[in-house]
């Protein structure tokens, strides 16, 4: 099911998402809906609070991976940073330049409850960091660099 995407101004986008205690059918349905919603909107990532659910889960689909990240945490980030232009499904028609570490290592569980660790570089690293920010109530406009 495609869910409505929450837009800038909705307080849930500023809310810190709650950890998921158990990956049950409700969470699996949420994840499936998030993938459908992200694809329909032509995005590369989508956090649960962007569909109105304050839970610590996001989905991402890049050239390298396609997965759900349940209770994710970045365990390592490079000191090397890159500035790139980012957009956000919750802030349509706006792009900003954001500085982020070029590589990160993220740990999470997938929708089946299997723990994994993923090293991400370049655009993949940017996507997971962008979605992690959403789970902490941070938006790209908070990190925007002046032109």
Foldseek 3Di string as FASTA:
>chain_A
DAAQFAAPPPCLQQDQAAADPDLDPVNVVLQVNQVVNCVVLVHFKDASVRRPHRYQKMFGHDPVDGFIFGPKDWPDFDPDKDWDWDDDPRYPPDIAIAIGGQKIWMWGATSVRHIDIDIDGHPRRVRVVQRNCSNNSHHVVNGGDDD
